[in-house]
C-alpha atoms as a PDB file:
ATOM      1  CA  MET A   1       0.017  -0.081   0.116  1.00  0.00           C
ATOM      2  CA  ASP A   2       1.469   3.537  -0.914  1.00  0.00           C
ATOM      3  CA  ALA A   3       1.237   6.572   1.097  1.00  0.00           C
ATOM      4  CA  SER A   4      -2.076   7.490  -0.534  1.00  0.00           C
ATOM      5  CA  GLY A   5      -3.598   4.226   0.752  1.00  0.00           C
ATOM      6  CA  ASN A   6      -3.749   2.602  -2.732  1.00  0.00           C
ATOM      7  CA  TRP A   7      -2.545  -0.977  -3.436  1.00  0.00           C
ATOM      8  CA  THR A   8       0.541  -1.134  -5.780  1.00  0.00           C
ATOM      9  CA  ASN A   9       2.383  -4.129  -7.205  1.00  0.00           C
ATOM     10  CA  PRO A  10       5.973  -4.650  -6.415  1.00  0.00           C
ATOM     11  CA  ALA A  11       8.488  -4.131  -9.396  1.00  0.00           C
ATOM     12  CA  LEU A  12       8.825  -7.844  -9.683  1.00  0.00           C
ATOM     13  CA  VAL A  13       5.205  -8.067 -10.994  1.00  0.00           C
ATOM     14  CA  ASP A  14       5.953  -5.695 -13.864  1.00  0.00           C
ATOM     15  CA  ILE A  15       9.318  -7.645 -14.656  1.00  0.00           C
ATOM     16  CA  LEU A  16       7.783 -11.056 -14.377  1.00  0.00           C
ATOM     17  CA  GLN A  17       4.259 -10.580 -15.631  1.00  0.00           C
ATOM     18  CA  ASN A  18       3.447 -14.237 -15.914  1.00  0.00           C
ATOM     19  CA  SER A  19       2.348 -15.399 -12.396  1.00  0.00           C
ATOM     20  CA  GLU A  20       3.579 -18.935 -12.867  1.00  0.00           C
ATOM     21  CA  ASP A  21       7.111 -17.709 -13.932  1.00  0.00           C
ATOM     22  CA  ARG A  22       7.049 -15.244 -10.934  1.00  0.00           C
ATOM     23  CA  THR A  23       6.114 -18.013  -8.393  1.00  0.00           C
ATOM     24  CA  ARG A  24       8.824 -20.383 -10.024  1.00  0.00           C
ATOM     25  CA  PHE A  25      11.373 -17.550  -9.647  1.00  0.00           C
ATOM     26  CA  LEU A  26      10.443 -16.849  -6.034  1.00  0.00           C
ATOM     27  CA  SER A  27      10.547 -20.644  -5.145  1.00  0.00           C
ATOM     28  CA  ASP A  28      14.160 -20.999  -6.400  1.00  0.00           C
ATOM     29  CA  VAL A  29      16.556 -21.799  -3.571  1.00  0.00           C
ATOM     30  CA  THR A  30      19.119 -19.308  -4.687  1.00  0.00           C
ATOM     31  CA  VAL A  31      16.529 -16.491  -4.887  1.00  0.00           C
ATOM     32  CA  LYS A  32      15.251 -17.517  -1.476  1.00  0.00           C
ATOM     33  CA  GLN A  33      18.801 -17.361   0.036  1.00  0.00           C
ATOM     34  CA  PHE A  34      19.463 -14.070  -1.650  1.00  0.00           C
ATOM     35  CA  ILE A  35      16.194 -12.397  -0.270  1.00  0.00           C
ATOM     36  CA  LYS A  36      17.143 -13.915   3.322  1.00  0.00           C
ATOM     37  CA  GLU A  37      20.533 -12.491   3.022  1.00  0.00           C
ATOM     38  CA  GLN A  38      19.174  -8.994   1.827  1.00  0.00           C
ATOM     39  CA  ASN A  39      16.592  -9.012   4.666  1.00  0.00           C
ATOM     40  CA  THR A  40      19.484  -9.774   7.146  1.00  0.00           C
ATOM     41  CA  LEU A  41      21.570  -6.983   5.694  1.00  0.00           C
ATOM     42  CA  ASP A  42      18.660  -4.654   5.849  1.00  0.00           C
ATOM     43  CA  ASP A  43      17.912  -5.539   9.554  1.00  0.00           C
ATOM     44  CA  TYR A  44      21.672  -4.930  10.347  1.00  0.00           C
ATOM     45  CA  LEU A  45      21.800  -1.524   8.607  1.00  0.00           C
ATOM     46  CA  TYR A  46      18.458  -0.452  10.209  1.00  0.00           C
ATOM     47  CA  ASP A  47      19.533  -1.565  13.680  1.00  0.00           C
ATOM     48  CA  LEU A  48      22.878   0.465  13.250  1.00  0.00           C
ATOM     49  CA  PHE A  49      20.862   3.484  12.025  1.00  0.00           C
ATOM     50  CA  LYS A  50      18.727   3.416  15.059  1.00  0.00           C
ATOM     51  CA  LYS A  51      21.738   3.003  17.395  1.00  0.00           C
ATOM     52  CA  PHE A  52      23.816   5.733  15.725  1.00  0.00           C
ATOM     53  CA  ARG A  53      21.307   8.344  14.276  1.00  0.00           C
ATOM     54  CA  PRO A  54      18.152   8.103  16.451  1.00  0.00           C
ATOM     55  CA  ASP A  55      17.726  11.906  15.895  1.00  0.00           C
ATOM     56  CA  LEU A  56      16.908  11.202  12.310  1.00  0.00           C
ATOM     57  CA  LEU A  57      14.170   8.866  13.077  1.00  0.00           C
ATOM     58  CA  LEU A  58      12.197  11.900  14.088  1.00  0.00           C
ATOM     59  CA  GLU A  59      12.402  13.398  10.678  1.00  0.00           C
ATOM     60  CA  ARG A  60       9.053  13.149   8.886  1.00  0.00           C
ATOM     61  CA  TYR A  61      10.499  12.073   5.613  1.00  0.00           C
ATOM     62  CA  LEU A  62      11.671   8.896   7.295  1.00  0.00           C
ATOM     63  CA  GLN A  63       8.383   8.030   8.991  1.00  0.00           C
ATOM     64  CA  THR A  64       5.119   6.380   8.165  1.00  0.00           C
ATOM     65  CA  GLU A  65       1.874   8.507   7.929  1.00  0.00           C
ATOM     66  CA  SER A  66       1.250   7.462  11.478  1.00  0.00           C
ATOM     67  CA  GLY A  67       4.592   8.947  12.510  1.00  0.00           C
ATOM     68  CA  ARG A  68       6.452   5.768  13.143  1.00  0.00           C
ATOM     69  CA  PRO A  69       9.962   5.195  11.756  1.00  0.00           C
ATOM     70  CA  SER A  70       9.786   3.533   8.262  1.00  0.00           C
ATOM     71  CA  LYS A  71      12.410   0.963   7.807  1.00  0.00           C
ATOM     72  CA  ALA A  72      11.866   1.069   3.983  1.00  0.00           C
ATOM     73  CA  LYS A  73      12.440   4.743   3.913  1.00  0.00           C
ATOM     74  CA  VAL A  74      15.386   4.628   6.332  1.00  0.00           C
ATOM     75  CA  LEU A  75      17.060   1.938   4.005  1.00  0.00           C
ATOM     76  CA  ALA A  76      16.376   4.031   0.903  1.00  0.00           C
ATOM     77  CA  TYR A  77      17.913   6.984   2.717  1.00  0.00           C
ATOM     78  CA  LEU A  78      21.018   5.120   3.529  1.00  0.00           C
ATOM     79  CA  TYR A  79      21.479   3.665   0.020  1.00  0.00           C
ATOM     80  CA  GLN A  80      21.045   6.920  -1.550  1.00  0.00           C
ATOM     81  CA  HIS A  81      23.444   8.834   0.761  1.00  0.00           C
ATOM     82  CA  GLY A  82      25.985   6.108   0.376  1.00  0.00           C
ATOM     83  CA  GLU A  83      25.732   6.389  -3.457  1.00  0.00           C
ATOM     84  CA  THR A  84      25.841  10.194  -3.088  1.00  0.00           C
ATOM     85  CA  GLN A  85      29.033   9.984  -0.968  1.00  0.00           C
ATOM     86  CA  VAL A  86      30.738   7.701  -3.442  1.00  0.00           C
ATOM     87  CA  MET A  87      29.677   9.905  -6.494  1.00  0.00           C
ATOM     88  CA  ASP A  88      31.081  12.855  -4.652  1.00  0.00           C
ATOM     89  CA  ILE A  89      34.443  10.984  -4.357  1.00  0.00           C
ATOM     90  CA  VAL A  90      34.407  10.387  -8.132  1.00  0.00           C
ATOM     91  CA  ARG A  91      33.515  14.146  -8.996  1.00  0.00           C
ATOM     92  CA  GLN A  92      36.310  15.395  -6.659  1.00  0.00           C
ATOM     93  CA  ALA A  93      38.772  13.173  -8.196  1.00  0.00           C
ATOM     94  CA  ALA A  94      37.828  14.145 -11.681  1.00  0.00           C
ATOM     95  CA  LEU A  95      37.787  17.838 -10.950  1.00  0.00           C
ATOM     96  CA  ALA A  96      41.370  17.524  -9.490  1.00  0.00           C
ATOM     97  CA  LYS A  97      42.353  16.385 -13.036  1.00  0.00           C
ATOM     98  CA  GLY A  98      40.419  19.166 -14.617  1.00  0.00           C
ATOM     99  CA  LEU A  99      37.432  16.892 -15.828  1.00  0.00           C
ATOM    100  CA  VAL A 100      34.183  18.655 -15.194  1.00  0.00           C
ATOM    101  CA  PRO A 101      31.082  16.398 -15.402  1.00  0.00           C
ATOM    102  CA  ILE A 102      28.468  17.374 -17.989  1.00  0.00           C
ATOM    103  CA  ALA A 103      25.728  15.648 -15.977  1.00  0.00           C
ATOM    104  CA  ASN A 104      24.988  14.013 -12.725  1.00  0.00           C
ATOM    105  CA  VAL A 105      22.241  11.458 -12.742  1.00  0.00           C
ATOM    106  CA  HIS A 106      21.421   9.463  -9.386  1.00  0.00           C
ATOM    107  CA  ASP A 107      24.463   7.005  -9.488  1.00  0.00           C
ATOM    108  CA  ALA A 108      25.992   8.004 -12.708  1.00  0.00           C
ATOM    109  CA  ILE A 109      28.311  10.717 -13.876  1.00  0.00           C
ATOM    110  CA  PHE A 110      28.772  11.755 -17.466  1.00  0.00           C
ATOM    111  CA  PHE A 111      31.812  13.159 -18.908  1.00  0.00           C
ATOM    112  CA  LYS A 112      32.565  14.501 -22.446  1.00  0.00           C
ATOM    113  CA  ARG A 113      35.807  12.433 -22.693  1.00  0.00           C
ATOM    114  CA  ARG A 114      36.653   8.869 -21.389  1.00  0.00           C
ATOM    115  CA  LEU A 115      38.424   8.724 -18.071  1.00  0.00           C
ATOM    116  CA  GLY A 116      41.007   6.187 -19.312  1.00  0.00           C
ATOM    117  CA  ALA A 117      41.807   2.978 -17.633  1.00  0.00           C
ATOM    118  CA  GLU A 118      44.619   4.206 -15.421  1.00  0.00           C
ATOM    119  CA  PHE A 119      42.481   7.187 -14.076  1.00  0.00           C
ATOM    120  CA  LYS A 120      39.429   4.923 -13.704  1.00  0.00           C
ATOM    121  CA  ASN A 121      41.550   2.644 -11.399  1.00  0.00           C
ATOM    122  CA  ALA A 122      42.818   5.579  -9.401  1.00  0.00           C
ATOM    123  CA  ILE A 123      39.376   6.676  -8.797  1.00  0.00           C
ATOM    124  CA  GLU A 124      38.088   3.146  -7.742  1.00  0.00           C
ATOM    125  CA  TRP A 125      41.027   3.064  -5.403  1.00  0.00           C
ATOM    126  CA  GLN A 126      40.025   6.355  -3.806  1.00  0.00           C
ATOM    127  CA  MET A 127      36.246   5.100  -3.663  1.00  0.00           C
ATOM    128  CA  ARG A 128      37.468   1.983  -1.672  1.00  0.00           C
ATOM    129  CA  GLU A 129      39.921   3.718   0.422  1.00  0.00           C
ATOM    130  CA  GLN A 130      37.699   6.597   1.610  1.00  0.00           C
ATOM    131  CA  THR A 131      34.660   4.302   2.257  1.00  0.00           C
ATOM    132  CA  GLY A 132      36.349   1.162   3.504  1.00  0.00           C
ATOM    133  CA  ASN A 133      34.362  -0.787   0.969  1.00  0.00           C
ATOM    134  CA  PRO A 134      36.546  -2.992  -1.296  1.00  0.00           C
ATOM    135  CA  TYR A 135      33.752  -3.728  -3.756  1.00  0.00           C
ATOM    136  CA  TRP A 136      33.085  -0.217  -5.286  1.00  0.00           C
ATOM    137  CA  HIS A 137      33.959  -0.063  -9.107  1.00  0.00           C
ATOM    138  CA  LEU A 138      33.034   2.059 -11.950  1.00  0.00           C
ATOM    139  CA  THR A 139      31.345   0.724 -15.056  1.00  0.00           C
ATOM    140  CA  PRO A 140      32.176   2.921 -18.125  1.00  0.00           C
ATOM    141  CA  LYS A 141      29.628   3.118 -20.888  1.00  0.00           C
ATOM    142  CA  GLN A 142      29.861   5.040 -24.233  1.00  0.00           C
ATOM    143  CA  ILE A 143      26.687   7.084 -24.833  1.00  0.00           C
ATOM    144  CA  GLU A 144      26.142   7.814 -28.486  1.00  0.00           C
ATOM    145  CA  ARG A 145      24.755  11.076 -29.609  1.00  0.00           C
ATOM    146  CA  TYR A 146      20.907  11.060 -30.200  1.00  0.00           C
ATOM    147  CA  THR A 147      20.154  11.276 -34.032  1.00  0.00           C
ATOM    148  CA  PRO A 148      16.514  12.274 -34.688  1.00  0.00           C
ATOM    149  CA  ARG A 149      14.607  10.233 -37.114  1.00  0.00           C
ATOM    150  CA  SER A 150      11.882  11.768 -39.207  1.00  0.00           C
ATOM    151  CA  LEU A 151       8.780   9.751 -39.865  1.00  0.00           C
ATOM    152  CA  ASN A 152       8.220  11.751 -42.940  1.00  0.00           C
ATOM    153  CA  ALA A 153      11.723  11.009 -44.263  1.00  0.00           C
ATOM    154  CA  GLU A 154      11.027   7.215 -43.843  1.00  0.00           C
ATOM    155  CA  ARG A 155       7.708   7.419 -45.622  1.00  0.00           C
ATOM    156  CA  GLU A 156       9.392   9.424 -48.501  1.00  0.00           C
ATOM    157  CA  LEU A 157      12.198   6.991 -48.684  1.00  0.00           C
ATOM    158  CA  SER A 158       9.790   4.139 -48.883  1.00  0.00           C
ATOM    159  CA  GLU A 159       7.698   5.947 -51.439  1.00  0.00           C
ATOM    160  CA  HIS A 160      10.719   6.630 -53.531  1.00  0.00           C
ATOM    161  CA  LYS A 161      11.942   3.104 -53.535  1.00  0.00           C
ATOM    162  CA  LYS A 162       8.309   1.970 -54.772  1.00  0.00           C
ATOM    163  CA  ARG A 163       8.550   4.496 -57.625  1.00  0.00           C
ATOM    164  CA  ILE A 164      11.986   3.196 -58.569  1.00  0.00           C
ATOM    165  CA  GLU A 165      10.655  -0.504 -58.633  1.00  0.00           C
ATOM    166  CA  GLN A 166       7.619   0.669 -60.822  1.00  0.00           C
ATOM    167  CA  GLU A 167       9.954   2.489 -63.197  1.00  0.00           C
ATOM    168  CA  GLU A 168      12.252  -0.531 -63.540  1.00  0.00           C
ATOM    169  CA  LEU A 169       9.165  -2.695 -64.242  1.00  0.00           C
ATOM    170  CA  LEU A 170       8.014  -0.258 -66.817  1.00  0.00           C
ATOM    171  CA  ALA A 171      11.493  -0.177 -68.409  1.00  0.00           C
ATOM    172  CA  LYS A 172      11.761  -3.966 -68.510  1.00  0.00           C
ATOM    173  CA  GLY A 173       8.374  -3.997 -70.245  1.00  0.00           C
ATOM    174  CA  TYR A 174       9.351  -1.365 -72.708  1.00  0.00           C
ATOM    175  CA  LYS A 175      12.658  -3.279 -73.483  1.00  0.00           C
ATOM    176  CA  SER A 176      10.610  -6.376 -74.380  1.00  0.00           C
ATOM    177  CA  VAL A 177       8.513  -4.550 -76.741  1.00  0.00           C
ATOM    178  CA  PHE A 178      11.298  -2.535 -78.475  1.00  0.00           C
ATOM    179  CA  PRO A 179      14.498  -4.641 -77.758  1.00  0.00           C
ATOM    180  CA  ASN A 180      16.639  -2.869 -80.319  1.00  0.00           C
ATOM    181  CA  ILE A 181      15.987   0.691 -79.281  1.00  0.00           C
ATOM    182  CA  LEU A 182      18.441   0.747 -76.181  1.00  0.00           C
ATOM    183  CA  THR A 183      21.089  -1.305 -77.930  1.00  0.00           C
ATOM    184  CA  GLY A 184      21.012   0.666 -81.188  1.00  0.00           C
END
């Protein structure tokens, strides 16, 4: 149930729309173990948060409508702030090399030029060193420039090809009627 009191489906329902596939997926031993592990991690993080930041549990944005702390909101807060902390490390390292991001989107940073393997490794080392998490890594992805397509251009090209085909058919028919005209 969302904040407005409406029932919503979890994302998995949209991903695995066939209920039999979804049931089979959720019944898999590996998936069950993953969910159990994720719940254990979530409980651990939530308990640490309650212990070390009880002041934030009083913030409305981390509470349910009834005013109780929301574990889901706290976990989202922790993950988002963790991502922001790491992306700040990336931005600072890039700026120190004179690279200014052209965009920051959630857990991604866009640069005009590639960072290069050596610099990427140096940034990953800083991410791991500053957070104490040895698993951080960057995954580069080349984004291609958007090229607009005109629906009219596609239609016009299709019509042009049809006209050429028709003219070729006419020419073949003309050649069979007057075979010596084109050859002299």
